[in-house]
Amino acid sequence: MKTLDFGRSERLIRLNPPFEASDETISALFEADFAETIEAQPDGYVISKVEDATHLQLVSDKLDSAEQRLGWPVGTVRLLAVVETALGIMNLKEIAQASPRLEALMFGAEDLAGDIGAQRTATGWEVFYARSAVVTAAAAYKLQALDMVLTDLANLARLTEESKLSRRLGYTGKMAIHPRQVEVINRIFGPSDSEIAQAQRLVQAHNEHQAAGSGAFELDGKMVDMPIVRAAEQVLARAKAAGILRKHRPTSDAVPAHWNVRVALPPDYFFYMRPSRFWPSLALSS
């Protein structure tokens, strides 16, 4: 982490869960992970098996102390929470508000299925409630939402369909566990040419109506108001961040920032395809 040049990429480190599952004492593995990695000054930590607000608050408090000790601005290291147990789903509201460092909620379907005794299927209906709950909580508290992994590495057709559903549900990105999955996920979550063209047309019409002093207007037989305009601006912001569209400047401040690919290496492989405060890039963390 210290010797590799990551350029403009962000570096994330996935930690073991903060607490022991048996008695809620602080995990020795977590303590070791944190002690070994903090001085590398990662951009953020991915916290697995987050079940309530105290899990993130513990990490945030440790980061406060470490940043002060090391002379870094307090609050610069960000957090991403993996919610993958029944208790975590029940406590989503508290988790989403646990720390100002929190940037994203991530849905872990495989561990959740094991926790509730569900049998995993290709359709995913057995985890659909939890999957919807995570993206809804993320939207409610202005966080990014990263969808579950697909463990069937060779099935890119299924990955395509699953990613399309994920995006329709409102997820801003998706985890992957192999490099071959990255292109599909990036393509699905990035806007298409037709989506960009329609968004440009809609935003231009909105600007013209605003200049003329009118609010809501009709376009192609449909009423257009601010929520629809903001959705179009988000499409253009994603396109710009992905390098597809560089000249557009969104008029709303409620749009995602830069598109990013995030990678974690052994013991787990994860690519986090999501909007980020960093430039689009491939970021490596271990």
Protein backbone atom coordinates (compact mmCIF):
# COMPACT_ATOMS: atom_id res chain seq x y z
CA MET A 1 0.00 0.00 0.00
CA LYS A 2 2.84 2.40 0.80
CA THR A 3 5.13 1.52 -2.07
CA LEU A 4 2.70 1.09 -4.98
CA ASP A 5 1.75 4.17 -6.97
CA PHE A 6 -2.04 4.22 -7.12
CA GLY A 7 -2.18 7.52 -8.99
CA ARG A 8 -5.67 8.98 -8.65
CA SER A 9 -7.14 5.63 -7.60
CA GLU A 10 -8.64 5.11 -4.18
CA ARG A 11 -7.37 2.37 -1.90
CA LEU A 12 -9.79 0.35 0.20
CA ILE A 13 -9.01 -2.31 2.79
CA ARG A 14 -11.56 -4.92 3.83
CA LEU A 15 -11.41 -5.62 7.56
CA ASN A 16 -12.60 -8.57 9.60
CA PRO A 17 -15.80 -7.85 11.59
CA PRO A 18 -15.16 -5.56 14.60
CA PHE A 19 -16.82 -7.85 17.14
CA GLU A 20 -16.69 -11.56 17.93
CA ALA A 21 -19.98 -13.18 17.00
CA SER A 22 -20.14 -15.18 20.24
CA ASP A 23 -19.95 -12.47 22.91
CA GLU A 24 -19.61 -9.06 21.24
CA THR A 25 -16.06 -8.55 22.49
CA ILE A 26 -13.72 -6.71 20.13
CA SER A 27 -12.24 -9.11 17.61
CA ALA A 28 -8.51 -9.73 17.82
CA LEU A 29 -8.44 -10.22 14.05
CA PHE A 30 -10.06 -6.84 13.54
CA GLU A 31 -7.59 -5.17 15.91
CA ALA A 32 -4.67 -6.77 14.08
CA ASP A 33 -6.06 -5.79 10.67
CA PHE A 34 -6.47 -2.18 11.75
CA ALA A 35 -3.06 -1.91 13.44
CA GLU A 36 -1.27 -3.37 10.42
CA THR A 37 -2.98 -1.18 7.82
CA ILE A 38 -3.80 2.23 9.25
CA GLU A 39 -0.37 3.78 8.72
CA ALA A 40 -0.67 3.01 5.00
CA GLN A 41 -3.34 5.75 5.06
CA PRO A 42 -6.04 3.97 3.04
CA ASP A 43 -8.80 6.03 1.51
CA GLY A 44 -11.37 3.85 3.21
CA TYR A 45 -12.22 0.61 4.97
CA VAL A 46 -14.84 -1.96 3.98
CA ILE A 47 -16.41 -3.32 7.18
CA SER A 48 -17.91 -6.79 6.86
CA LYS A 49 -20.91 -8.21 8.75
CA VAL A 50 -22.12 -4.88 10.10
CA GLU A 51 -25.09 -5.63 12.37
CA ASP A 52 -25.71 -2.40 14.23
CA ALA A 53 -24.46 1.15 14.59
CA THR A 54 -21.87 0.25 17.25
CA HIS A 55 -19.83 -1.70 14.67
CA LEU A 56 -19.24 1.41 12.58
CA GLN A 57 -18.94 3.70 15.59
CA LEU A 58 -16.12 1.56 16.97
CA VAL A 59 -14.20 1.83 13.70
CA SER A 60 -14.94 5.54 13.41
CA ASP A 61 -13.68 6.20 16.96
CA LYS A 62 -10.47 4.29 16.23
CA LEU A 63 -10.03 6.31 13.06
CA ASP A 64 -10.53 9.58 14.99
CA SER A 65 -7.69 8.63 17.35
CA ALA A 66 -5.43 7.38 14.59
CA GLU A 67 -5.92 10.45 12.40
CA GLN A 68 -5.14 12.77 15.31
CA ARG A 69 -2.08 10.72 16.27
CA LEU A 70 -0.76 10.65 12.70
CA GLY A 71 -1.51 14.30 11.98
CA TRP A 72 -4.16 13.65 9.32
CA PRO A 73 -7.37 15.69 8.94
CA VAL A 74 -10.03 13.97 11.04
CA GLY A 75 -12.72 12.32 8.96
CA THR A 76 -10.74 11.71 5.79
CA VAL A 77 -10.80 7.90 5.92
CA ARG A 78 -14.19 6.71 4.69
CA LEU A 79 -16.27 3.63 5.56
CA LEU A 80 -18.34 1.20 3.49
CA ALA A 81 -20.59 -1.21 5.39
CA VAL A 82 -21.40 -4.74 4.23
CA VAL A 83 -24.85 -5.72 5.52
CA GLU A 84 -25.16 -9.49 5.27
CA THR A 85 -27.09 -10.81 8.30
CA ALA A 86 -30.72 -10.78 9.41
CA LEU A 87 -29.88 -8.51 12.34
CA GLY A 88 -28.07 -6.10 10.03
CA ILE A 89 -31.15 -5.86 7.80
CA MET A 90 -33.37 -5.16 10.82
CA ASN A 91 -30.97 -2.39 11.94
CA LEU A 92 -30.44 -0.67 8.59
CA LYS A 93 -31.82 2.67 9.79
CA GLU A 94 -29.33 2.84 12.67
CA ILE A 95 -26.44 1.57 10.54
CA ALA A 96 -27.07 4.16 7.83
CA GLN A 97 -26.82 6.96 10.40
CA ALA A 98 -23.96 5.52 12.44
CA SER A 99 -21.10 7.71 11.21
CA PRO A 100 -20.50 10.69 8.92
CA ARG A 101 -17.64 8.64 7.47
CA LEU A 102 -20.08 6.16 5.95
CA GLU A 103 -20.33 6.38 2.14
CA ALA A 104 -22.07 3.21 1.06
CA LEU A 105 -24.16 0.23 2.09
CA MET A 106 -23.22 -3.07 0.46
CA PHE A 107 -25.56 -6.05 0.27
CA GLY A 108 -24.10 -9.48 1.05
CA ALA A 109 -26.60 -12.06 -0.20
CA GLU A 110 -24.62 -15.25 0.34
CA ASP A 111 -24.03 -14.76 4.06
CA LEU A 112 -27.56 -13.46 4.54
CA ALA A 113 -29.04 -16.58 2.93
CA GLY A 114 -27.02 -18.74 5.28
CA ASP A 115 -28.06 -16.66 8.27
CA ILE A 116 -31.79 -16.95 7.57
CA GLY A 117 -31.66 -20.55 6.34
CA ALA A 118 -32.62 -19.72 2.77
CA GLN A 119 -31.67 -21.74 -0.29
CA ARG A 120 -29.97 -19.61 -2.94
CA THR A 121 -31.57 -19.64 -6.36
CA ALA A 122 -30.82 -17.99 -9.69
CA THR A 123 -33.89 -15.76 -9.38
CA GLY A 124 -32.87 -14.47 -5.96
CA TRP A 125 -36.40 -14.13 -4.56
CA GLU A 126 -35.23 -15.60 -1.25
CA VAL A 127 -33.13 -12.45 -0.61
CA PHE A 128 -35.27 -9.93 -2.47
CA TYR A 129 -36.72 -8.31 0.65
CA ALA A 130 -33.28 -7.67 2.12
CA ARG A 131 -31.89 -6.56 -1.23
CA SER A 132 -34.65 -3.97 -1.53
CA ALA A 133 -34.27 -2.90 2.09
CA VAL A 134 -30.56 -2.09 1.62
CA VAL A 135 -31.04 0.08 -1.47
CA THR A 136 -34.01 1.85 0.14
CA ALA A 137 -32.05 2.65 3.30
CA ALA A 138 -29.13 3.91 1.24
CA ALA A 139 -31.40 6.24 -0.73
CA ALA A 140 -33.14 7.49 2.41
CA TYR A 141 -29.86 8.54 4.01
CA LYS A 142 -28.05 9.74 0.86
CA LEU A 143 -25.62 6.83 0.69
CA GLN A 144 -24.49 4.77 -2.27
CA ALA A 145 -25.77 1.21 -2.58
CA LEU A 146 -23.64 -1.65 -3.92
CA ASP A 147 -25.41 -4.85 -4.89
CA MET A 148 -24.53 -8.49 -4.17
CA VAL A 149 -21.87 -10.56 -5.90
CA LEU A 150 -22.62 -13.27 -8.44
CA THR A 151 -20.57 -16.35 -7.55
CA ASP A 152 -21.19 -18.06 -10.91
CA LEU A 153 -18.02 -16.63 -12.46
CA ALA A 154 -18.47 -17.97 -16.00
CA ASN A 155 -22.12 -17.02 -16.40
CA LEU A 156 -21.84 -13.54 -17.89
CA ALA A 157 -25.36 -13.72 -19.32
CA ARG A 158 -26.78 -14.14 -15.83
CA LEU A 159 -24.51 -11.38 -14.57
CA THR A 160 -25.88 -9.08 -17.26
CA GLU A 161 -29.48 -9.73 -16.31
CA GLU A 162 -28.76 -9.53 -12.59
CA SER A 163 -26.93 -6.23 -13.05
CA LYS A 164 -29.80 -4.79 -15.08
CA LEU A 165 -32.25 -5.68 -12.31
CA SER A 166 -29.88 -4.23 -9.73
CA ARG A 167 -29.76 -0.94 -11.57
CA ARG A 168 -33.55 -0.89 -11.98
CA LEU A 169 -33.88 -1.41 -8.21
CA GLY A 170 -31.81 1.72 -7.65
CA TYR A 171 -28.36 0.35 -6.86
CA THR A 172 -25.50 2.63 -7.87
CA GLY A 173 -22.98 -0.18 -8.29
CA LYS A 174 -22.32 -3.87 -7.87
CA MET A 175 -19.66 -6.08 -6.34
CA ALA A 176 -17.75 -8.62 -8.39
CA ILE A 177 -15.42 -11.41 -7.41
CA HIS A 178 -13.46 -11.87 -10.64
CA PRO A 179 -11.91 -9.48 -13.17
CA ARG A 180 -13.94 -11.02 -16.01
CA GLN A 181 -17.10 -9.58 -14.41
CA VAL A 182 -15.92 -5.98 -14.40
CA GLU A 183 -16.64 -5.13 -18.05
CA VAL A 184 -20.24 -6.33 -17.81
CA ILE A 185 -20.95 -4.47 -14.58
CA ASN A 186 -19.31 -1.30 -15.82
CA ARG A 187 -21.30 -1.43 -19.04
CA ILE A 188 -24.63 -2.00 -17.31
CA PHE A 189 -24.18 0.68 -14.67
CA GLY A 190 -22.78 3.18 -17.13
CA PRO A 191 -25.38 5.04 -19.24
CA SER A 192 -26.00 3.96 -22.84
CA ASP A 193 -25.71 6.29 -25.83
CA SER A 194 -29.49 6.53 -26.10
CA GLU A 195 -29.86 7.33 -22.40
CA ILE A 196 -27.23 10.07 -22.68
CA ALA A 197 -28.90 11.56 -25.76
CA GLN A 198 -32.32 11.60 -24.11
CA ALA A 199 -30.90 13.08 -20.91
CA GLN A 200 -29.13 15.84 -22.85
CA ARG A 201 -32.33 16.64 -24.71
CA LEU A 202 -34.36 16.76 -21.51
CA VAL A 203 -31.88 18.94 -19.63
CA GLN A 204 -31.61 21.33 -22.58
CA ALA A 205 -35.41 21.63 -22.74
CA HIS A 206 -35.51 22.24 -18.99
CA ASN A 207 -32.92 25.01 -19.24
CA GLU A 208 -34.85 26.66 -22.07
CA HIS A 209 -38.09 26.57 -20.09
CA GLN A 210 -36.34 27.91 -17.00
CA ALA A 211 -34.95 30.81 -19.04
CA ALA A 212 -38.47 31.53 -20.25
CA GLY A 213 -39.75 31.58 -16.66
CA SER A 214 -41.78 28.35 -16.74
CA GLY A 215 -41.53 25.38 -14.37
CA ALA A 216 -42.89 21.96 -15.30
CA PHE A 217 -43.28 21.34 -19.03
CA GLU A 218 -44.30 18.69 -21.54
CA LEU A 219 -41.81 16.71 -23.63
CA ASP A 220 -42.81 13.90 -26.00
CA GLY A 221 -46.29 13.90 -24.49
CA LYS A 222 -45.04 13.47 -20.92
CA MET A 223 -44.96 15.94 -18.05
CA VAL A 224 -41.44 16.84 -16.90
CA ASP A 225 -40.77 18.21 -13.40
CA MET A 226 -37.67 18.52 -11.20
CA PRO A 227 -37.39 14.85 -10.08
CA ILE A 228 -37.26 13.84 -13.75
CA VAL A 229 -34.73 16.57 -14.51
CA ARG A 230 -32.52 15.45 -11.63
CA ALA A 231 -32.65 11.86 -12.87
CA ALA A 232 -31.48 13.07 -16.31
CA GLU A 233 -28.68 15.05 -14.66
CA GLN A 234 -27.59 11.91 -12.84
CA VAL A 235 -27.34 10.07 -16.16
CA LEU A 236 -25.12 12.83 -17.54
CA ALA A 237 -23.03 12.93 -14.38
CA ARG A 238 -22.39 9.17 -14.62
CA ALA A 239 -21.48 9.55 -18.29
CA LYS A 240 -19.08 12.38 -17.55
CA ALA A 241 -17.46 10.51 -14.67
CA ALA A 242 -17.00 7.40 -16.82
CA GLY A 243 -15.25 9.48 -19.50
CA ILE A 244 -18.13 9.10 -21.97
CA LEU A 245 -19.19 12.72 -21.64
CA ARG A 246 -16.71 15.35 -20.51
CA LYS A 247 -18.26 18.71 -21.30
CA HIS A 248 -21.58 18.50 -19.46
CA ARG A 249 -21.89 20.37 -16.18
CA PRO A 250 -24.91 19.17 -14.14
CA THR A 251 -27.09 21.93 -12.71
CA SER A 252 -28.10 20.01 -9.58
CA ASP A 253 -25.85 19.37 -6.60
CA ALA A 254 -27.71 16.16 -5.85
CA VAL A 255 -25.86 14.05 -8.41
CA PRO A 256 -23.21 11.38 -7.86
CA ALA A 257 -19.57 12.30 -8.28
CA HIS A 258 -17.01 10.19 -10.16
CA TRP A 259 -17.43 6.64 -11.43
CA ASN A 260 -14.95 4.21 -9.96
CA VAL A 261 -13.76 0.62 -10.02
CA ARG A 262 -12.63 -0.69 -6.66
CA VAL A 263 -10.66 -3.88 -6.10
CA ALA A 264 -9.76 -5.90 -3.02
CA LEU A 265 -7.29 -8.77 -3.22
CA PRO A 266 -6.87 -11.95 -1.10
CA PRO A 267 -8.46 -13.32 0.98
CA ASP A 268 -11.40 -12.04 -1.08
CA TYR A 269 -11.66 -10.52 -4.54
CA PHE A 270 -14.08 -7.63 -4.84
CA PHE A 271 -14.59 -4.96 -7.46
CA TYR A 272 -16.79 -2.13 -6.23
CA MET A 273 -18.39 -0.41 -9.19
CA ARG A 274 -19.78 2.79 -7.80
CA PRO A 275 -19.81 6.58 -7.99
CA SER A 276 -16.91 7.93 -5.98
CA ARG A 277 -15.28 11.14 -4.88
CA PHE A 278 -12.19 9.98 -6.80
CA TRP A 279 -11.41 9.90 -10.50
CA PRO A 280 -12.49 6.82 -12.49
CA SER A 281 -9.78 4.23 -12.03
CA LEU A 282 -8.80 0.75 -10.96
CA ALA A 283 -7.90 0.82 -7.28
CA LEU A 284 -6.10 -2.03 -5.55
CA SER A 285 -6.32 -2.80 -1.85
CA SER A 286 -5.29 -5.81 0.14
